[in-house]
Structure formats: structure tokens, C-alpha cells
């Protein structure tokens, strides 16, 4: 049995230690916001926060967790969907297909927490998530808008 703190709740799941966190979240806990994209931690569709840091959950084994870390998924980022990044994304209609956007939003939220006023160079260095639709111009615009909406 593995104990995890997810979106403020302490939960127990029965999984193998080498099971990626993404599959625990999606299959055992029904939190399907984090997506499977590449399976090799390159695209970022599976990004969640572990103690506030963005983590590519598709390659992050549950054995790497002690059970005391706070795991935050897109479902737990904001109960009302009013996190500054979510508000900016909605205002600018950032997503096209939307598949990668939960991971993108989670990566951006973590970046803005540690760097509330990123430059374009900071964004290029820190946001390495891939959007197959190519909405990177709107993503960058959304990041700059989100920094003005800080709660």
C-alpha cells in the first residue's frame, strides 16, 4: 500500500513501487487532467506539482514519494478554476485542441510561483512543454497576462 497526499487529501492506493505517478493519478484515483503524451518526460502533458515543483509524472515512480509530499494536479490547482493562469488562458483562448494544456498550465503556474515576473528568455528556458497545435505565441501571451492577475 502506498499513501499519497493529492490535492489536499491523503489517499491510499495499492500499486507496484515502479508504477509511474501518472497512472496512479489517472487509473487508481480517476484524476484524468494530466495526460499521457510521450511517456519519456519530453512533452510535459503529464506535468503535476510535487511540493510545488513541476514534475513529469509519466516517468516519476511512486517509490520516489514518501507520502508526505503534496501532489497537486490540474484538478486541485483551483477549485473554482480561477487560478491566474487559468483565467489568463480563458481570456486569451490559449488552447486549440487543449490536450497539452493541463500540463502547460501546471508548468506555468509553478514557474510563476518561483519567478513572478519572467522574461521571454525565462519562459523559453523554463517552459519546455510541447504543444502540437503550435499555440506557443498564445501561451507566451497568456504567461505575461497571468503575471498581472496574481491573486
Protein backbone atom coordinates (compact mmCIF):
# COMPACT_ATOMS: atom_id res chain seq x y z
CA UNK A 1 0.00 0.00 0.00
CA UNK A 2 1.18 3.48 -0.90
CA UNK A 3 -0.02 6.64 0.79
CA UNK A 4 -0.16 9.85 -1.22
CA UNK A 5 -1.31 13.38 -0.49
CA UNK A 6 -3.15 14.52 -3.60
CA UNK A 7 -4.98 17.83 -3.89
CA UNK A 8 -5.17 18.13 -0.12
CA UNK A 9 -6.42 14.60 0.55
CA UNK A 10 -4.44 11.72 1.99
CA UNK A 11 -5.17 8.62 -0.08
CA UNK A 12 -4.01 5.02 -0.03
CA UNK A 13 -3.53 3.03 -3.21
CA UNK A 14 -2.25 -0.43 -3.95
CA UNK A 15 0.32 -0.23 -6.74
CA UNK A 16 3.77 -1.52 -7.56
CA UNK A 17 6.58 0.81 -6.46
CA UNK A 18 7.74 1.32 -10.04
CA UNK A 19 4.30 2.47 -11.24
CA UNK A 20 4.53 5.98 -12.70
CA UNK A 21 2.63 8.60 -10.74
CA UNK A 22 0.64 9.47 -13.88
CA UNK A 23 -1.01 6.04 -13.94
CA UNK A 24 -1.83 6.16 -10.24
CA UNK A 25 -3.47 9.56 -10.69
CA UNK A 26 -5.41 8.55 -13.80
CA UNK A 27 -6.25 4.89 -13.19
CA UNK A 28 -6.46 4.50 -9.41
CA UNK A 29 -7.64 7.98 -8.44
CA UNK A 30 -9.66 8.99 -11.53
CA UNK A 31 -7.82 12.30 -11.94
CA UNK A 32 -7.57 12.41 -15.71
CA UNK A 33 -6.42 16.01 -16.17
CA UNK A 34 -2.76 15.03 -16.50
CA UNK A 35 -2.39 13.42 -19.92
CA UNK A 36 -0.17 10.70 -21.35
CA UNK A 37 1.74 12.14 -24.26
CA UNK A 38 5.18 10.73 -24.93
CA UNK A 39 5.94 8.52 -21.92
CA UNK A 40 9.55 9.75 -21.79
CA UNK A 41 9.18 13.07 -19.91
CA UNK A 42 9.67 15.20 -23.02
CA UNK A 43 6.28 16.67 -23.92
CA UNK A 44 5.02 17.76 -20.50
CA UNK A 45 1.37 16.76 -20.96
CA UNK A 46 1.64 14.83 -17.70
CA UNK A 47 3.01 17.71 -15.59
CA UNK A 48 1.82 17.89 -11.98
CA UNK A 49 3.30 19.57 -8.92
CA UNK A 50 5.13 17.71 -6.17
CA UNK A 51 5.64 20.10 -3.27
CA UNK A 52 5.14 22.96 -5.72
CA UNK A 53 7.73 21.80 -8.26
CA UNK A 54 6.65 20.74 -11.75
CA UNK A 55 7.18 17.01 -12.29
CA UNK A 56 6.70 14.93 -15.42
CA UNK A 57 4.54 12.27 -13.83
CA UNK A 58 4.81 9.76 -16.69
CA UNK A 59 8.30 8.76 -15.51
CA UNK A 60 8.05 9.61 -11.81
CA UNK A 61 7.67 6.33 -9.87
CA UNK A 62 5.53 6.32 -6.76
CA UNK A 63 8.53 4.78 -4.94
CA UNK A 64 10.17 8.23 -5.19
CA UNK A 65 7.45 9.60 -2.90
CA UNK A 66 7.47 9.26 0.88
CA UNK A 67 3.76 10.02 1.28
CA UNK A 68 4.36 13.42 2.89
CA UNK A 69 4.73 15.38 -0.34
CA UNK A 70 1.81 17.44 -1.56
CA UNK A 71 0.88 16.39 -5.09
CA UNK A 72 -1.24 18.92 -6.97
CA UNK A 73 -2.94 18.10 -10.24
CA UNK A 74 -4.80 20.44 -12.58
CA UNK A 75 -7.98 19.39 -10.74
CA UNK A 76 -6.52 20.70 -7.48
CA UNK A 77 -4.86 23.87 -8.80
CA UNK A 78 -8.00 25.88 -8.14
CA UNK A 79 -11.36 24.53 -7.02
CA UNK A 80 -13.19 27.29 -8.90
CA UNK A 81 -10.91 27.30 -11.94
CA UNK A 82 -9.82 30.83 -11.09
CA UNK A 83 -6.08 30.44 -10.74
CA UNK A 84 -4.42 33.41 -12.51
CA UNK A 85 -3.04 31.13 -15.23
CA UNK A 86 -6.45 29.54 -15.82
CA UNK A 87 -8.06 32.98 -16.02
CA UNK A 88 -5.45 34.22 -18.49
CA UNK A 89 -5.80 31.07 -20.62
CA UNK A 90 -9.59 31.53 -20.78
CA UNK A 91 -9.37 35.25 -21.50
CA UNK A 92 -6.96 34.73 -24.42
CA UNK A 93 -8.45 31.45 -25.63
CA UNK A 94 -4.95 29.94 -25.46
CA UNK A 95 -5.70 26.27 -26.21
CA UNK A 96 -6.51 24.95 -29.63
CA UNK A 97 -7.13 21.22 -29.12
CA UNK A 98 -6.34 21.54 -25.40
CA UNK A 99 -4.72 18.14 -24.89
CA UNK A 100 -1.42 19.51 -23.60
CA UNK A 101 -2.88 22.45 -21.74
CA UNK A 102 -3.33 20.94 -18.24
CA UNK A 103 0.38 20.13 -18.21
CA UNK A 104 1.23 23.51 -19.72
CA UNK A 105 -0.86 25.32 -17.10
CA UNK A 106 0.79 23.35 -14.30
CA UNK A 107 4.29 24.13 -15.62
CA UNK A 108 3.43 27.83 -15.97
CA UNK A 109 1.83 28.02 -12.51
CA UNK A 110 4.98 26.54 -10.94
CA UNK A 111 7.22 28.93 -12.88
CA UNK A 112 5.19 31.97 -11.82
CA UNK A 113 5.31 30.83 -8.21
CA UNK A 114 9.11 30.81 -8.25
CA UNK A 115 9.53 33.67 -10.74
CA UNK A 116 6.53 36.02 -10.69
CA UNK A 117 7.88 38.27 -13.44
CA UNK A 118 9.55 36.05 -16.06
CA UNK A 119 11.14 37.47 -19.17
CA UNK A 120 10.70 35.84 -22.56
CA UNK A 121 14.13 34.26 -22.05
CA UNK A 122 12.98 32.82 -18.69
CA UNK A 123 9.86 31.42 -20.35
CA UNK A 124 11.93 29.83 -23.12
CA UNK A 125 14.24 28.22 -20.57
CA UNK A 126 11.60 27.03 -18.11
CA UNK A 127 8.54 26.11 -20.16
CA UNK A 128 9.65 23.16 -22.24
CA UNK A 129 6.22 21.59 -22.68
CA UNK A 130 5.29 20.77 -26.25
CA UNK A 131 2.07 21.89 -27.93
CA UNK A 132 1.46 20.03 -31.17
CA UNK A 133 -1.02 22.68 -32.28
CA UNK A 134 1.67 25.35 -32.02
CA UNK A 135 -0.10 27.75 -29.67
CA UNK A 136 3.22 28.92 -28.23
CA UNK A 137 2.58 32.56 -29.15
CA UNK A 138 -0.69 32.50 -27.18
CA UNK A 139 0.98 30.57 -24.35
CA UNK A 140 3.64 33.29 -24.02
CA UNK A 141 0.95 35.98 -24.15
CA UNK A 142 -1.02 34.04 -21.52
CA UNK A 143 2.00 33.85 -19.23
CA UNK A 144 2.51 37.61 -19.43
CA UNK A 145 -1.19 38.19 -18.76
CA UNK A 146 -1.22 35.74 -15.84
CA UNK A 147 1.56 37.61 -14.09
CA UNK A 148 -0.74 40.65 -13.92
CA UNK A 149 -3.58 38.58 -12.46
CA UNK A 150 -1.71 37.25 -9.42
CA UNK A 151 -4.19 36.70 -6.62
